[in-house]
């Protein structure tokens, strides 16, 4: 199960941290919160879990090529 942590800074900016979510679904999770908060996205830092879905897909393709 995923975990979402919000950090509200003194200047009013908000950090949204999503943990334990595989692949790009973390962006779907945060999109609703980003829209509700408004403003602009200043920085996006992706965790290693984001890339795990891509790695699995690439591994599957390379296995098919060797068959």
N, C-alpha and C. Protein backbone atom coordinates (compact mmCIF):
# COMPACT_ATOMS: atom_id res chain seq x y z
N UNK A 1 0.84 -1.18 0.00
CA UNK A 1 0.00 0.00 0.00
C UNK A 1 0.89 1.24 0.00
N UNK A 2 0.49 2.24 -0.75
CA UNK A 2 1.26 3.47 -0.87
C UNK A 2 1.09 4.39 0.33
N UNK A 3 1.96 5.38 0.39
CA UNK A 3 1.91 6.37 1.47
C UNK A 3 2.13 7.74 0.85
N UNK A 4 1.28 8.70 1.23
CA UNK A 4 1.40 10.08 0.75
C UNK A 4 1.69 10.97 1.94
N UNK A 5 2.74 11.79 1.82
CA UNK A 5 3.09 12.73 2.88
C UNK A 5 3.07 14.14 2.28
N UNK A 6 2.38 15.03 2.96
CA UNK A 6 2.33 16.43 2.55
C UNK A 6 3.16 17.25 3.54
N UNK A 7 4.01 18.12 3.01
CA UNK A 7 4.78 19.04 3.83
C UNK A 7 4.42 20.45 3.37
N UNK A 8 3.87 21.24 4.30
CA UNK A 8 3.51 22.62 3.98
C UNK A 8 4.56 23.52 4.62
N UNK A 9 5.25 24.25 3.80
CA UNK A 9 6.34 25.11 4.27
C UNK A 9 5.81 26.48 4.69
N UNK A 10 6.63 27.20 5.42
CA UNK A 10 6.25 28.53 5.90
C UNK A 10 5.93 29.49 4.76
N UNK A 11 6.58 29.31 3.60
CA UNK A 11 6.33 30.20 2.47
C UNK A 11 5.06 29.82 1.70
N UNK A 12 4.36 28.77 2.15
CA UNK A 12 3.12 28.35 1.52
C UNK A 12 3.28 27.27 0.47
N UNK A 13 4.52 26.95 0.11
CA UNK A 13 4.73 25.89 -0.88
C UNK A 13 4.44 24.53 -0.23
N UNK A 14 4.08 23.57 -1.06
CA UNK A 14 3.69 22.25 -0.57
C UNK A 14 4.51 21.18 -1.28
N UNK A 15 5.07 20.26 -0.51
CA UNK A 15 5.74 19.08 -1.05
C UNK A 15 4.78 17.91 -0.92
N UNK A 16 4.65 17.13 -1.99
CA UNK A 16 3.86 15.91 -1.96
C UNK A 16 4.82 14.76 -2.21
N UNK A 17 4.92 13.85 -1.25
CA UNK A 17 5.83 12.72 -1.36
C UNK A 17 5.01 11.43 -1.39
N UNK A 18 5.15 10.66 -2.46
CA UNK A 18 4.44 9.40 -2.61
C UNK A 18 5.46 8.28 -2.51
N UNK A 19 5.24 7.34 -1.60
CA UNK A 19 6.16 6.23 -1.40
C UNK A 19 5.42 4.90 -1.58
N UNK A 20 6.16 3.89 -1.94
CA UNK A 20 5.65 2.52 -2.07
C UNK A 20 4.61 2.38 -3.17
N UNK A 21 4.76 3.14 -4.26
CA UNK A 21 3.87 3.04 -5.41
C UNK A 21 4.74 2.77 -6.63
N UNK A 22 4.42 1.72 -7.37
CA UNK A 22 5.21 1.32 -8.53
C UNK A 22 4.78 2.08 -9.78
N UNK A 23 5.75 2.43 -10.60
CA UNK A 23 5.48 3.01 -11.90
C UNK A 23 4.88 4.40 -11.87
N UNK A 24 4.29 4.78 -12.99
CA UNK A 24 3.78 6.13 -13.18
C UNK A 24 2.46 6.39 -12.46
N UNK A 25 1.91 5.41 -11.77
CA UNK A 25 0.65 5.64 -11.05
C UNK A 25 0.81 6.69 -9.96
N UNK A 26 2.04 6.94 -9.50
CA UNK A 26 2.26 7.99 -8.50
C UNK A 26 1.86 9.36 -9.06
N UNK A 27 2.08 9.56 -10.36
CA UNK A 27 1.69 10.84 -10.97
C UNK A 27 0.17 10.98 -11.04
N UNK A 28 -0.52 9.89 -11.24
CA UNK A 28 -1.98 9.92 -11.24
C UNK A 28 -2.50 10.26 -9.85
N UNK A 29 -1.85 9.72 -8.84
CA UNK A 29 -2.25 9.97 -7.46
C UNK A 29 -2.07 11.44 -7.10
N UNK A 30 -0.95 12.01 -7.46
CA UNK A 30 -0.66 13.39 -7.04
C UNK A 30 -1.38 14.43 -7.90
N UNK A 31 -1.78 14.06 -9.11
CA UNK A 31 -2.39 15.03 -10.03
C UNK A 31 -3.62 15.72 -9.41
N UNK A 32 -4.48 14.96 -8.77
CA UNK A 32 -5.68 15.55 -8.16
C UNK A 32 -5.31 16.55 -7.07
N UNK A 33 -4.31 16.22 -6.27
CA UNK A 33 -3.88 17.14 -5.22
C UNK A 33 -3.23 18.38 -5.82
N UNK A 34 -2.42 18.19 -6.85
CA UNK A 34 -1.78 19.33 -7.51
C UNK A 34 -2.82 20.27 -8.10
N UNK A 35 -3.85 19.71 -8.74
CA UNK A 35 -4.92 20.53 -9.31
C UNK A 35 -5.67 21.29 -8.22
N UNK A 36 -5.94 20.62 -7.11
CA UNK A 36 -6.67 21.25 -6.01
C UNK A 36 -5.87 22.37 -5.36
N UNK A 37 -4.56 22.18 -5.27
CA UNK A 37 -3.71 23.19 -4.64
C UNK A 37 -3.44 24.37 -5.56
N UNK A 38 -3.54 24.14 -6.87
CA UNK A 38 -3.25 25.21 -7.83
C UNK A 38 -1.76 25.51 -7.86
N UNK A 39 -1.43 26.65 -8.36
CA UNK A 39 -0.02 27.02 -8.44
C UNK A 39 0.68 26.27 -9.55
N UNK A 40 2.00 26.36 -9.56
CA UNK A 40 2.76 25.69 -10.59
C UNK A 40 3.71 24.69 -9.97
N UNK A 41 4.01 23.67 -10.74
CA UNK A 41 4.97 22.67 -10.30
C UNK A 41 6.36 23.25 -10.47
N UNK A 42 7.11 23.29 -9.39
CA UNK A 42 8.44 23.88 -9.43
C UNK A 42 9.49 22.81 -9.65
N UNK A 43 9.32 21.69 -8.99
CA UNK A 43 10.32 20.63 -9.08
C UNK A 43 9.64 19.28 -8.92
N UNK A 44 10.12 18.30 -9.68
CA UNK A 44 9.60 16.94 -9.56
C UNK A 44 10.79 16.01 -9.42
N UNK A 45 10.78 15.23 -8.36
CA UNK A 45 11.84 14.26 -8.12
C UNK A 45 11.18 12.89 -8.06
N UNK A 46 11.60 12.00 -8.94
CA UNK A 46 10.99 10.67 -9.02
C UNK A 46 11.82 9.67 -8.24
N UNK A 47 11.11 8.81 -7.50
CA UNK A 47 11.77 7.76 -6.73
C UNK A 47 12.13 6.59 -7.64
N UNK A 48 13.02 5.71 -7.18
CA UNK A 48 13.37 4.52 -7.98
C UNK A 48 12.17 3.65 -8.34
N UNK A 49 11.15 3.63 -7.48
CA UNK A 49 9.96 2.82 -7.75
C UNK A 49 9.27 3.24 -9.04
N UNK A 50 9.40 4.51 -9.41
CA UNK A 50 8.79 5.02 -10.64
C UNK A 50 9.33 4.26 -11.85
N UNK A 51 10.62 3.99 -11.83
CA UNK A 51 11.28 3.36 -12.97
C UNK A 51 11.16 1.84 -12.97
N UNK A 52 10.72 1.23 -11.89
CA UNK A 52 10.65 -0.22 -11.82
C UNK A 52 9.68 -0.79 -12.85
N UNK A 53 8.57 -0.11 -13.11
CA UNK A 53 7.61 -0.57 -14.12
C UNK A 53 8.24 -0.54 -15.51
N UNK A 54 9.04 0.47 -15.79
CA UNK A 54 9.72 0.58 -17.07
C UNK A 54 10.74 -0.53 -17.23
N UNK A 55 11.49 -0.81 -16.16
CA UNK A 55 12.50 -1.85 -16.21
C UNK A 55 11.86 -3.21 -16.46
N UNK A 56 10.73 -3.49 -15.81
CA UNK A 56 10.04 -4.76 -16.02
C UNK A 56 9.57 -4.90 -17.46
N UNK A 57 9.05 -3.83 -18.04
CA UNK A 57 8.59 -3.87 -19.43
C UNK A 57 9.77 -4.11 -20.37
N UNK A 58 10.90 -3.45 -20.13
CA UNK A 58 12.08 -3.63 -20.97
C UNK A 58 12.62 -5.05 -20.85
N UNK A 59 12.58 -5.60 -19.64
CA UNK A 59 13.05 -6.95 -19.43
C UNK A 59 12.16 -7.94 -20.18
N UNK A 60 10.87 -7.72 -20.15
CA UNK A 60 9.91 -8.59 -20.84
C UNK A 60 10.17 -8.56 -22.35
N UNK A 61 10.41 -7.40 -22.90
CA UNK A 61 10.68 -7.27 -24.34
C UNK A 61 11.97 -8.00 -24.70
N UNK A 62 13.02 -7.83 -23.90
CA UNK A 62 14.30 -8.47 -24.22
C UNK A 62 14.18 -9.99 -24.11
N UNK A 63 13.35 -10.50 -23.20
CA UNK A 63 13.15 -11.95 -23.09
C UNK A 63 12.43 -12.47 -24.33
N UNK A 64 11.48 -11.71 -24.86
CA UNK A 64 10.76 -12.13 -26.06
C UNK A 64 11.69 -12.15 -27.27
N UNK A 65 12.64 -11.22 -27.32
CA UNK A 65 13.56 -11.15 -28.44
C UNK A 65 14.52 -12.34 -28.45
N UNK A 66 14.85 -12.91 -27.30
CA UNK A 66 15.79 -14.01 -27.23
C UNK A 66 15.11 -15.35 -27.51
N UNK A 67 13.81 -15.39 -27.54
CA UNK A 67 13.10 -16.65 -27.80
C UNK A 67 13.07 -17.00 -29.25
